Each structure stands twice: as C-alpha cells, then as structure tokens.
N, C-alpha and C. Protein backbone atom coordinates (compact mmCIF):
# COMPACT_ATOMS: atom_id res chain seq x y z
N MET A 1 91.03 93.44 44.42
CA MET A 1 90.64 93.69 45.87
C MET A 1 90.14 93.26 46.54
N GLU A 2 90.29 92.34 47.85
CA GLU A 2 89.15 92.05 48.77
C GLU A 2 89.27 92.45 50.05
N ILE A 3 88.92 92.89 50.50
CA ILE A 3 88.70 93.27 51.89
C ILE A 3 87.22 92.80 52.84
N VAL A 4 87.27 93.21 54.30
CA VAL A 4 85.86 93.03 55.29
C VAL A 4 85.20 93.84 55.44
N VAL A 5 84.05 94.43 55.05
CA VAL A 5 84.00 95.71 55.73
C VAL A 5 82.51 95.25 56.72
N ASN A 6 82.42 95.84 58.06
CA ASN A 6 81.56 95.08 58.39
C ASN A 6 81.41 93.41 57.99
N GLY A 7 82.37 93.01 58.82
CA GLY A 7 81.78 91.40 57.77
C GLY A 7 81.67 91.29 56.96
N LYS A 8 81.84 92.19 55.97
CA LYS A 8 80.77 91.53 54.96
C LYS A 8 81.67 91.43 53.64
N ARG A 9 82.22 90.43 52.97
CA ARG A 9 83.26 90.50 51.69
C ARG A 9 83.68 91.19 50.98
N GLU A 10 83.88 92.21 50.77
CA GLU A 10 84.03 93.30 49.79
C GLU A 10 85.46 93.43 48.50
N PHE A 11 85.02 93.37 47.59
CA PHE A 11 85.78 94.17 46.43
C PHE A 11 86.38 95.01 45.35
N ILE A 12 86.84 96.25 46.42
CA ILE A 12 87.34 97.07 45.21
C ILE A 12 88.42 96.71 44.50
N ASP A 13 88.06 98.35 43.39
CA ASP A 13 89.32 98.00 41.91
C ASP A 13 90.26 98.45 42.23
N GLN A 14 90.42 99.05 42.45
CA GLN A 14 92.70 100.26 42.74
C GLN A 14 92.22 100.30 44.51
N SER A 15 93.70 101.22 44.65
CA SER A 15 94.20 101.31 46.01
C SER A 15 93.34 102.05 46.15
N VAL A 16 92.91 102.31 47.07
CA VAL A 16 92.03 103.88 48.63
C VAL A 16 92.04 104.22 49.50
N SER A 17 92.69 105.44 49.80
CA SER A 17 92.84 105.50 50.81
C SER A 17 91.70 105.08 51.93
N ILE A 18 91.46 105.07 53.70
CA ILE A 18 89.75 104.91 53.65
C ILE A 18 89.24 105.99 53.53
N LEU A 19 89.54 107.51 54.32
CA LEU A 19 89.01 108.58 53.06
C LEU A 19 88.16 108.42 51.41
N GLU A 20 88.83 108.20 50.92
CA GLU A 20 88.58 107.84 49.30
C GLU A 20 87.47 106.67 49.87
N TYR A 21 87.29 105.23 50.06
CA TYR A 21 86.96 104.74 50.77
C TYR A 21 85.56 105.23 50.49
N LEU A 22 84.80 106.06 52.56
CA LEU A 22 84.46 106.70 52.43
C LEU A 22 83.46 107.52 51.31
N SER A 23 84.51 108.23 50.80
CA SER A 23 83.68 108.50 50.13
C SER A 23 83.95 108.36 48.56
N LEU A 24 83.12 107.19 48.07
CA LEU A 24 82.91 106.63 47.02
C LEU A 24 81.42 105.69 47.61
N LYS A 25 81.97 105.54 48.95
CA LYS A 25 80.46 105.18 49.26
C LYS A 25 79.14 106.18 49.99
N GLY A 26 79.99 107.13 50.03
CA GLY A 26 78.65 108.17 50.14
C GLY A 26 78.76 108.39 50.71
N LEU A 27 79.69 107.74 52.15
CA LEU A 27 79.40 107.87 53.22
C LEU A 27 79.75 109.10 53.86
N ASP A 28 79.80 110.18 54.72
CA ASP A 28 79.96 111.29 55.72
C ASP A 28 81.14 111.55 56.20
N PRO A 29 82.20 111.60 55.89
CA PRO A 29 83.45 111.03 57.33
C PRO A 29 83.43 111.81 58.60
N ASN A 30 82.35 112.81 58.95
CA ASN A 30 82.43 113.67 59.54
C ASN A 30 81.39 113.59 60.44
N ARG A 31 80.76 111.93 60.01
CA ARG A 31 79.79 111.57 61.21
C ARG A 31 79.94 109.62 61.18
N ALA A 32 81.44 109.69 61.54
CA ALA A 32 81.34 108.19 60.98
C ALA A 32 83.39 107.93 61.96
N VAL A 33 83.05 106.19 62.61
CA VAL A 33 84.79 106.31 63.62
C VAL A 33 84.36 105.34 62.30
N VAL A 34 85.34 105.11 61.81
CA VAL A 34 86.93 104.02 61.66
C VAL A 34 87.14 102.92 61.92
N GLU A 35 87.40 102.01 62.32
CA GLU A 35 88.51 100.71 62.81
C GLU A 35 88.37 100.26 61.59
N HIS A 36 90.79 100.61 61.64
CA HIS A 36 91.30 99.67 60.19
C HIS A 36 91.97 98.50 61.44
N ASN A 37 91.32 97.12 60.18
CA ASN A 37 92.56 95.91 61.88
C ASN A 37 92.51 95.51 63.10
N TYR A 38 91.52 96.04 63.79
CA TYR A 38 91.43 96.39 64.77
C TYR A 38 91.79 97.95 66.51
N HIS A 39 92.12 98.43 64.91
CA HIS A 39 92.59 99.27 65.73
C HIS A 39 91.68 100.31 65.13
N VAL A 40 91.10 101.31 66.38
CA VAL A 40 89.79 102.74 65.55
C VAL A 40 91.55 103.80 64.96
N VAL A 41 91.01 104.96 64.12
CA VAL A 41 91.72 105.37 63.25
C VAL A 41 91.13 106.59 64.01
N LYS A 42 91.50 107.04 63.84
CA LYS A 42 91.88 108.58 64.09
C LYS A 42 91.36 109.61 63.23
N LYS A 43 90.31 110.20 63.07
CA LYS A 43 90.24 110.85 61.34
C LYS A 43 91.15 111.51 60.41
N GLU A 44 91.76 112.48 61.09
CA GLU A 44 92.97 112.92 60.59
C GLU A 44 94.95 111.62 59.65
N GLU A 45 94.30 110.29 60.01
CA GLU A 45 94.70 109.62 59.18
C GLU A 45 94.20 108.53 58.29
N TRP A 46 93.40 109.04 58.13
CA TRP A 46 92.31 108.42 57.04
C TRP A 46 92.55 108.63 55.56
N GLY A 47 93.84 110.42 55.51
CA GLY A 47 93.31 110.03 54.08
C GLY A 47 95.15 109.33 53.56
N ASN A 48 95.64 109.06 54.89
CA ASN A 48 97.42 108.08 54.93
C ASN A 48 97.32 106.65 54.79
N ILE A 49 96.04 106.55 54.72
CA ILE A 49 96.08 104.63 55.40
C ILE A 49 95.79 104.52 54.28
N ILE A 50 96.22 103.26 53.44
CA ILE A 50 95.68 102.91 52.09
C ILE A 50 96.03 101.38 52.15
N LEU A 51 94.28 101.50 52.08
CA LEU A 51 93.11 99.35 51.81
C LEU A 51 94.63 98.58 50.65
N LYS A 52 94.74 97.66 51.95
CA LYS A 52 95.49 96.51 51.14
C LYS A 52 94.27 95.13 51.77
N GLU A 53 94.85 94.38 50.21
CA GLU A 53 94.45 91.91 49.80
C GLU A 53 94.00 92.07 51.99
N ASN A 54 92.42 91.97 52.07
CA ASN A 54 92.70 91.37 53.53
C ASN A 54 92.31 92.02 54.41
N ASP A 55 92.08 94.35 54.24
CA ASP A 55 92.60 94.56 55.14
C ASP A 55 90.86 94.45 55.48
N GLN A 56 90.47 95.25 57.06
CA GLN A 56 89.40 94.35 58.42
C GLN A 56 89.42 95.95 58.45
N LEU A 57 88.10 96.75 57.74
CA LEU A 57 87.36 97.44 58.30
C LEU A 57 85.85 97.87 58.88
N GLU A 58 85.30 98.59 60.20
CA GLU A 58 84.41 98.59 60.89
C GLU A 58 83.93 99.32 60.59
N VAL A 59 82.44 99.86 59.77
CA VAL A 59 82.98 101.86 59.71
C VAL A 59 81.33 101.54 60.41
N LEU A 60 81.23 101.97 61.88
CA LEU A 60 80.08 103.09 62.81
C LEU A 60 79.63 104.58 62.16
N ARG A 61 78.15 104.90 61.28
CA ARG A 61 78.09 106.02 61.04
C ARG A 61 77.05 106.43 61.98
N PHE A 62 77.20 107.76 62.37
CA PHE A 62 76.02 108.50 63.50
C PHE A 62 74.25 109.04 63.14
N VAL A 63 73.72 107.83 63.53
CA VAL A 63 72.54 108.49 63.24
C VAL A 63 72.44 110.45 63.63
N GLY A 64 71.18 111.60 63.39
CA GLY A 64 70.22 111.57 64.37
C GLY A 64 68.85 111.23 64.15
N GLY A 65 68.52 111.72 65.29
CA GLY A 65 67.04 111.15 65.42
C GLY A 65 65.90 111.01 66.77
N GLY A 66 65.40 111.30 66.82
CA GLY A 66 65.00 110.96 68.20
C GLY A 66 63.91 109.89 68.73
C-alpha cells in the first residue's frame, strides 16, 4: 500500500494504525504531532485510525536542545 509521509511516497506491507506506524518507524509518540489527510489528529485517536491507500501524513517531531 502506498501512502505519503512528509511529502514522500512510502510503501507499507500491511494496514496499520497511525500509532502502529509511528512505532514501526521508531518514533516516540510522546514527542510527535500528526496530521492525517490535512487534519491534526489527537493522540488519543492515533490507535483508531487505520491508514489506507494514498493517505497523507505529516509527522512533526519535537527535539530538545539549545
């Protein structure tokens, strides 16, 4: 299945939720914000939204430092 993540096409083998996708990519869900098909999604909903063909994600990660 093909999705678009941060403007780049990506292929995933199976249907996964947004939360599962972040986990597969090694991203800490406590340090991220996700936009799904142009709508910001609350963290509580990430496990309920299953990614589909041609979905678009924007994933922003918070990085500490100074």
